[in-house]
Amino acid sequence: MQLLGKVRAGDRAAFDQLVEVVYNDLRDLAHIQRRRWAGDETLNTTAILHETYLKLAAQEAPDWKSGAHFRSDRVRVPLDELRVAGPDRELSDEQAEALIALDRSLEELSRVHERQGRIVECRFFGGMTVHDTATALGVSPATVKRGWVVAKAWLYRDIQQQRES
């Protein structure tokens, strides 16, 4: 993508063009994130988007290689470091057990079928589209679709088995 090359070279006008191109995607991602924050009214979707813009704009000649790379360069945060329930709300025992079961199942899925584990990370946790996931993983969209269906079934079965034992 020529535009990303200009951004990598430090062209601020190209960066502004890039923001225009990805604005709707970023807004959609911000909206998804906002909906996940139960009870935390600190930032609305627009504020999240503006914070993201400020962080992106502060970078000196970033090395983004593609649209998927631009959107999926995320930092892993251990589950126990997250404030999942929000500041004023605790998880029920059932919710906590479900999260632990999901974490165990995803770890096992990733160990046994690494690509399917990556697909779940991109699609579920990253909110990425099938196309973006395919680009990020270097596979076809059809491979992502098949992997997504199989991974969901595998996780469901594994979580049910954990809860029964």
C-alpha atoms as a PDB file:
ATOM      1  CA  MET A   1       0.000   0.000   0.000  1.00  0.00           C
ATOM      2  CA  GLN A   2       1.612   3.235  -1.154  1.00  0.00           C
ATOM      3  CA  LEU A   3       0.026   5.317   1.589  1.00  0.00           C
ATOM      4  CA  LEU A   4       1.571   3.197   4.360  1.00  0.00           C
ATOM      5  CA  GLY A   5       4.974   3.574   2.703  1.00  0.00           C
ATOM      6  CA  LYS A   6       4.636   7.355   2.861  1.00  0.00           C
ATOM      7  CA  VAL A   7       3.585   7.158   6.507  1.00  0.00           C
ATOM      8  CA  ARG A   8       6.631   4.967   7.283  1.00  0.00           C
ATOM      9  CA  ALA A   9       8.779   7.634   5.640  1.00  0.00           C
ATOM     10  CA  GLY A  10       7.404  10.217   8.068  1.00  0.00           C
ATOM     11  CA  ASP A  11       4.959  12.039   5.734  1.00  0.00           C
ATOM     12  CA  ARG A  12       2.437  13.671   8.107  1.00  0.00           C
ATOM     13  CA  ALA A  13       0.012  14.484   5.255  1.00  0.00           C
ATOM     14  CA  ALA A  14      -0.041  10.773   4.377  1.00  0.00           C
ATOM     15  CA  PHE A  15      -0.781   9.999   8.030  1.00  0.00           C
ATOM     16  CA  ASP A  16      -3.788  12.340   7.904  1.00  0.00           C
ATOM     17  CA  GLN A  17      -4.980  10.566   4.733  1.00  0.00           C
ATOM     18  CA  LEU A  18      -4.552   7.203   6.442  1.00  0.00           C
ATOM     19  CA  VAL A  19      -6.664   8.363   9.373  1.00  0.00           C
ATOM     20  CA  GLU A  20      -9.439   9.322   6.952  1.00  0.00           C
ATOM     21  CA  VAL A  21      -9.230   5.871   5.335  1.00  0.00           C
ATOM     22  CA  VAL A  22      -9.410   3.922   8.620  1.00  0.00           C
ATOM     23  CA  TYR A  23     -11.589   6.313  10.641  1.00  0.00           C
ATOM     24  CA  ASN A  24     -14.781   4.243  10.295  1.00  0.00           C
ATOM     25  CA  ASP A  25     -12.976   1.016  11.225  1.00  0.00           C
ATOM     26  CA  LEU A  26     -11.414   2.673  14.253  1.00  0.00           C
ATOM     27  CA  ARG A  27     -14.777   4.128  15.296  1.00  0.00           C
ATOM     28  CA  ASP A  28     -16.389   0.681  14.994  1.00  0.00           C
ATOM     29  CA  LEU A  29     -13.620  -0.883  17.112  1.00  0.00           C
ATOM     30  CA  ALA A  30     -13.949   1.889  19.701  1.00  0.00           C
ATOM     31  CA  HIS A  31     -17.705   1.281  19.827  1.00  0.00           C
ATOM     32  CA  ILE A  32     -17.167  -2.465  20.356  1.00  0.00           C
ATOM     33  CA  GLN A  33     -14.699  -1.754  23.161  1.00  0.00           C
ATOM     34  CA  ARG A  34     -17.052   0.754  24.764  1.00  0.00           C
ATOM     35  CA  ARG A  35     -19.921  -1.748  24.841  1.00  0.00           C
ATOM     36  CA  ARG A  36     -17.694  -4.247  26.676  1.00  0.00           C
ATOM     37  CA  TRP A  37     -17.049  -1.825  29.566  1.00  0.00           C
ATOM     38  CA  ALA A  38     -19.997  -2.569  31.814  1.00  0.00           C
ATOM     39  CA  GLY A  39     -20.584   0.246  34.264  1.00  0.00           C
ATOM     40  CA  ASP A  40     -17.579   2.411  33.278  1.00  0.00           C
ATOM     41  CA  GLU A  41     -18.919   5.665  31.834  1.00  0.00           C
ATOM     42  CA  THR A  42     -15.586   7.536  31.797  1.00  0.00           C
ATOM     43  CA  LEU A  43     -15.048   7.558  28.014  1.00  0.00           C
ATOM     44  CA  ASN A  44     -17.567   7.482  25.191  1.00  0.00           C
ATOM     45  CA  THR A  45     -16.818   6.110  21.711  1.00  0.00           C
ATOM     46  CA  THR A  46     -15.661   9.475  20.361  1.00  0.00           C
ATOM     47  CA  ALA A  47     -13.329  10.034  23.310  1.00  0.00           C
ATOM     48  CA  ILE A  48     -11.798   6.566  22.817  1.00  0.00           C
ATOM     49  CA  LEU A  49     -11.311   7.345  19.132  1.00  0.00           C
ATOM     50  CA  HIS A  50      -9.649  10.684  19.910  1.00  0.00           C
ATOM     51  CA  GLU A  51      -7.337   9.062  22.465  1.00  0.00           C
ATOM     52  CA  THR A  52      -6.372   6.489  19.839  1.00  0.00           C
ATOM     53  CA  TYR A  53      -5.670   9.229  17.293  1.00  0.00           C
ATOM     54  CA  LEU A  54      -3.422  11.076  19.736  1.00  0.00           C
ATOM     55  CA  LYS A  55      -1.419   7.922  20.448  1.00  0.00           C
ATOM     56  CA  LEU A  56      -1.071   7.136  16.745  1.00  0.00           C
ATOM     57  CA  ALA A  57      -0.169  10.703  15.811  1.00  0.00           C
ATOM     58  CA  ALA A  58       2.576  10.829  18.441  1.00  0.00           C
ATOM     59  CA  GLN A  59       4.538   8.034  16.718  1.00  0.00           C
ATOM     60  CA  GLU A  60       7.547   8.999  14.612  1.00  0.00           C
ATOM     61  CA  ALA A  61       7.467   7.070  11.292  1.00  0.00           C
ATOM     62  CA  PRO A  62       5.650   3.879  12.408  1.00  0.00           C
ATOM     63  CA  ASP A  63       6.451   0.615  10.623  1.00  0.00           C
ATOM     64  CA  TRP A  64       2.945  -0.544   9.653  1.00  0.00           C
ATOM     65  CA  LYS A  65       3.095  -3.073   6.818  1.00  0.00           C
ATOM     66  CA  SER A  66      -0.593  -3.529   5.967  1.00  0.00           C
ATOM     67  CA  GLY A  67      -4.068  -2.592   7.103  1.00  0.00           C
ATOM     68  CA  ALA A  68      -4.273  -5.745   9.204  1.00  0.00           C
ATOM     69  CA  HIS A  69      -0.882  -5.029  10.767  1.00  0.00           C
ATOM     70  CA  PHE A  70      -2.012  -1.483  11.530  1.00  0.00           C
ATOM     71  CA  ARG A  71      -5.133  -2.752  13.315  1.00  0.00           C
ATOM     72  CA  SER A  72      -3.783  -5.922  14.997  1.00  0.00           C
ATOM     73  CA  ASP A  73      -0.511  -4.961  16.667  1.00  0.00           C
ATOM     74  CA  ARG A  74      -1.808  -5.527  20.180  1.00  0.00           C
ATOM     75  CA  VAL A  75      -0.116  -6.129  23.494  1.00  0.00           C
ATOM     76  CA  ARG A  76      -1.011  -9.308  25.410  1.00  0.00           C
ATOM     77  CA  VAL A  77      -2.257  -8.678  28.933  1.00  0.00           C
ATOM     78  CA  PRO A  78      -2.619 -11.605  31.352  1.00  0.00           C
ATOM     79  CA  LEU A  79      -6.215 -12.247  32.357  1.00  0.00           C
ATOM     80  CA  ASP A  80      -5.461 -11.718  36.042  1.00  0.00           C
ATOM     81  CA  GLU A  81      -4.274  -8.147  35.323  1.00  0.00           C
ATOM     82  CA  LEU A  82      -7.572  -7.068  33.785  1.00  0.00           C
ATOM     83  CA  ARG A  83     -10.378  -5.375  35.655  1.00  0.00           C
ATOM     84  CA  VAL A  84     -12.977  -7.417  33.812  1.00  0.00           C
ATOM     85  CA  ALA A  85     -16.013  -6.494  35.853  1.00  0.00           C
ATOM     86  CA  GLY A  86     -15.366  -2.797  36.221  1.00  0.00           C
ATOM     87  CA  PRO A  87     -14.543  -0.816  39.338  1.00  0.00           C
ATOM     88  CA  ASP A  88     -17.889  -1.147  41.120  1.00  0.00           C
ATOM     89  CA  ARG A  89     -18.953  -4.633  40.111  1.00  0.00           C
ATOM     90  CA  GLU A  90     -17.620  -8.057  41.010  1.00  0.00           C
ATOM     91  CA  LEU A  91     -17.920 -11.208  38.965  1.00  0.00           C
ATOM     92  CA  SER A  92     -20.255 -13.876  40.226  1.00  0.00           C
ATOM     93  CA  ASP A  93     -18.716 -17.264  41.007  1.00  0.00           C
ATOM     94  CA  GLU A  94     -20.330 -18.648  37.856  1.00  0.00           C
ATOM     95  CA  GLN A  95     -18.895 -15.845  35.684  1.00  0.00           C
ATOM     96  CA  ALA A  96     -15.436 -16.285  37.201  1.00  0.00           C
ATOM     97  CA  GLU A  97     -15.571 -20.046  36.623  1.00  0.00           C
ATOM     98  CA  ALA A  98     -16.666 -19.476  33.007  1.00  0.00           C
ATOM     99  CA  LEU A  99     -13.732 -17.098  32.387  1.00  0.00           C
ATOM    100  CA  ILE A 100     -11.269 -19.553  33.906  1.00  0.00           C
ATOM    101  CA  ALA A 101     -12.713 -22.373  31.800  1.00  0.00           C
ATOM    102  CA  LEU A 102     -12.483 -20.221  28.655  1.00  0.00           C
ATOM    103  CA  ASP A 103      -8.869 -19.329  29.420  1.00  0.00           C
ATOM    104  CA  ARG A 104      -7.922 -22.987  29.986  1.00  0.00           C
ATOM    105  CA  SER A 105      -9.758 -24.080  26.849  1.00  0.00           C
ATOM    106  CA  LEU A 106      -8.167 -21.389  24.702  1.00  0.00           C
ATOM    107  CA  GLU A 107      -4.704 -22.283  26.006  1.00  0.00           C
ATOM    108  CA  GLU A 108      -5.329 -25.948  25.157  1.00  0.00           C
ATOM    109  CA  LEU A 109      -6.767 -25.103  21.736  1.00  0.00           C
ATOM    110  CA  SER A 110      -3.722 -22.955  20.967  1.00  0.00           C
ATOM    111  CA  ARG A 111      -1.409 -25.775  22.050  1.00  0.00           C
ATOM    112  CA  VAL A 112      -3.174 -28.403  19.927  1.00  0.00           C
ATOM    113  CA  HIS A 113      -4.256 -26.205  16.976  1.00  0.00           C
ATOM    114  CA  GLU A 114      -2.170 -23.036  17.014  1.00  0.00           C
ATOM    115  CA  ARG A 115      -3.850 -21.421  13.986  1.00  0.00           C
ATOM    116  CA  GLN A 116      -7.339 -21.911  15.409  1.00  0.00           C
ATOM    117  CA  GLY A 117      -6.206 -20.345  18.671  1.00  0.00           C
ATOM    118  CA  ARG A 118      -4.871 -17.340  16.753  1.00  0.00           C
ATOM    119  CA  ILE A 119      -8.142 -17.090  14.825  1.00  0.00           C
ATOM    120  CA  VAL A 120     -10.080 -16.916  18.108  1.00  0.00           C
ATOM    121  CA  GLU A 121      -7.721 -14.240  19.425  1.00  0.00           C
ATOM    122  CA  CYS A 122      -8.154 -12.119  16.297  1.00  0.00           C
ATOM    123  CA  ARG A 123     -11.893 -12.598  15.835  1.00  0.00           C
ATOM    124  CA  PHE A 124     -13.183 -12.694  19.414  1.00  0.00           C
ATOM    125  CA  PHE A 125     -10.699 -10.684  21.441  1.00  0.00           C
ATOM    126  CA  GLY A 126      -9.453  -8.411  18.647  1.00  0.00           C
ATOM    127  CA  GLY A 127     -12.835  -7.807  17.037  1.00  0.00           C
ATOM    128  CA  MET A 128     -11.243  -8.354  13.612  1.00  0.00           C
ATOM    129  CA  THR A 129     -13.169  -9.252  10.478  1.00  0.00           C
ATOM    130  CA  VAL A 130     -12.622 -12.525   8.621  1.00  0.00           C
ATOM    131  CA  HIS A 131     -10.679 -10.640   5.949  1.00  0.00           C
ATOM    132  CA  ASP A 132      -8.453  -8.806   8.455  1.00  0.00           C
ATOM    133  CA  THR A 133      -7.796 -12.051  10.329  1.00  0.00           C
ATOM    134  CA  ALA A 134      -6.865 -13.793   7.088  1.00  0.00           C
ATOM    135  CA  THR A 135      -4.449 -11.003   6.194  1.00  0.00           C
ATOM    136  CA  ALA A 136      -2.902 -10.922   9.670  1.00  0.00           C
ATOM    137  CA  LEU A 137      -2.381 -14.700   9.705  1.00  0.00           C
ATOM    138  CA  GLY A 138      -1.385 -15.045   6.048  1.00  0.00           C
ATOM    139  CA  VAL A 139      -4.192 -17.466   5.164  1.00  0.00           C
ATOM    140  CA  SER A 140      -7.310 -17.313   3.004  1.00  0.00           C
ATOM    141  CA  PRO A 141     -10.647 -15.991   4.299  1.00  0.00           C
ATOM    142  CA  ALA A 142     -12.118 -19.462   3.703  1.00  0.00           C
ATOM    143  CA  THR A 143      -9.468 -20.951   6.008  1.00  0.00           C
ATOM    144  CA  VAL A 144     -10.377 -18.399   8.680  1.00  0.00           C
ATOM    145  CA  LYS A 145     -14.102 -19.161   8.325  1.00  0.00           C
ATOM    146  CA  ARG A 146     -13.526 -22.909   8.655  1.00  0.00           C
ATOM    147  CA  GLY A 147     -11.101 -22.436  11.544  1.00  0.00           C
ATOM    148  CA  TRP A 148     -13.531 -20.107  13.334  1.00  0.00           C
ATOM    149  CA  VAL A 149     -16.384 -22.650  13.123  1.00  0.00           C
ATOM    150  CA  VAL A 150     -14.184 -25.525  14.296  1.00  0.00           C
ATOM    151  CA  ALA A 151     -12.582 -23.463  17.087  1.00  0.00           C
ATOM    152  CA  LYS A 152     -15.953 -22.342  18.477  1.00  0.00           C
ATOM    153  CA  ALA A 153     -17.217 -25.939  18.522  1.00  0.00           C
ATOM    154  CA  TRP A 154     -13.970 -27.162  20.098  1.00  0.00           C
ATOM    155  CA  LEU A 155     -14.072 -24.473  22.810  1.00  0.00           C
ATOM    156  CA  TYR A 156     -17.754 -25.107  23.550  1.00  0.00           C
ATOM    157  CA  ARG A 157     -17.186 -28.857  23.940  1.00  0.00           C
ATOM    158  CA  ASP A 158     -14.067 -28.381  26.070  1.00  0.00           C
ATOM    159  CA  ILE A 159     -15.705 -25.836  28.368  1.00  0.00           C
ATOM    160  CA  GLN A 160     -18.731 -28.120  28.833  1.00  0.00           C
ATOM    161  CA  GLN A 161     -16.432 -31.006  29.749  1.00  0.00           C
ATOM    162  CA  GLN A 162     -14.600 -28.819  32.289  1.00  0.00           C
ATOM    163  CA  ARG A 163     -17.842 -27.689  33.900  1.00  0.00           C
ATOM    164  CA  GLU A 164     -19.143 -31.273  34.167  1.00  0.00           C
ATOM    165  CA  SER A 165     -16.016 -32.557  35.902  1.00  0.00           C
END
